[in-house]
């Protein structure tokens, strides 16, 4: 499995300082896992992108070039969530009907900014026509701004809140999300670690109570892994500086291993 490390944290408007440390920290923890839960030995080919923390546009260009040259399933280690804009934009150019499934406590559809930040990258992907709103699924939301919800409703973006997961059941929600994604010709998963409850992932900048357990997230991801059109995954917003006993970093490493 190809691993691309993107240690960028300047897309969080100064609020994600420390996320640049996550790629190396996660990779170091990956080494402590022996096999996946399916009994498979994970093998990785890792590389790190050289980026400029003071220049989002230059970073986006570098990310785009790197993704353009990836011709195998890959895991991207961020970094803040702004990296998904450039990564998915480059990914989408390779396919006729790509889609993105986002695991996140937030919609990340706030008012547009140029260049896109971790608060509005998804809105920008849709507004710029990089992805059809019908090819977007957001799972795990539980806190949003009024204008974000209006945008999501206006664009008819399919989303499953934590409330819906609790009321309808995780299996039913996963079935519904997968039934949408399987119609795309390529699937990109974006995992913002704040989709987890802070008790499972304290090491992130925007903690939101009432989130998933690590086991619930792994359940979703293990099932999505069975879709043959899954091509790329990113793991973002892990902040080792805010972590407690390295548990968030370890959880991210567990995700890497299980998706390998």
Foldseek 3Di string as FASTA:
>chain_A
DEEEEELEALLAVPLQPQFSVQVVLLVVLLVVDQAAPVRHGDDYDYDYFDDDRVDPVRSLVSLLVVLLPDDFFYEYEDDAQLNCLSNLLSVLVVFDAEAEEEQDQEPLCPDDDVPHGNSRSVVVCPVVPSHQLLRYEYEQHDDYDPVSVVVCVVSVRHYAYLVNCVVVHLVVVLVVVVVSNLPGQAYEYEYELLLAACVQAQQFRDHDHSHHHLVSVLVSLLVVLPRPRYRYYYYHRGRPVRGDPCRNSNSVSSSVNSSD
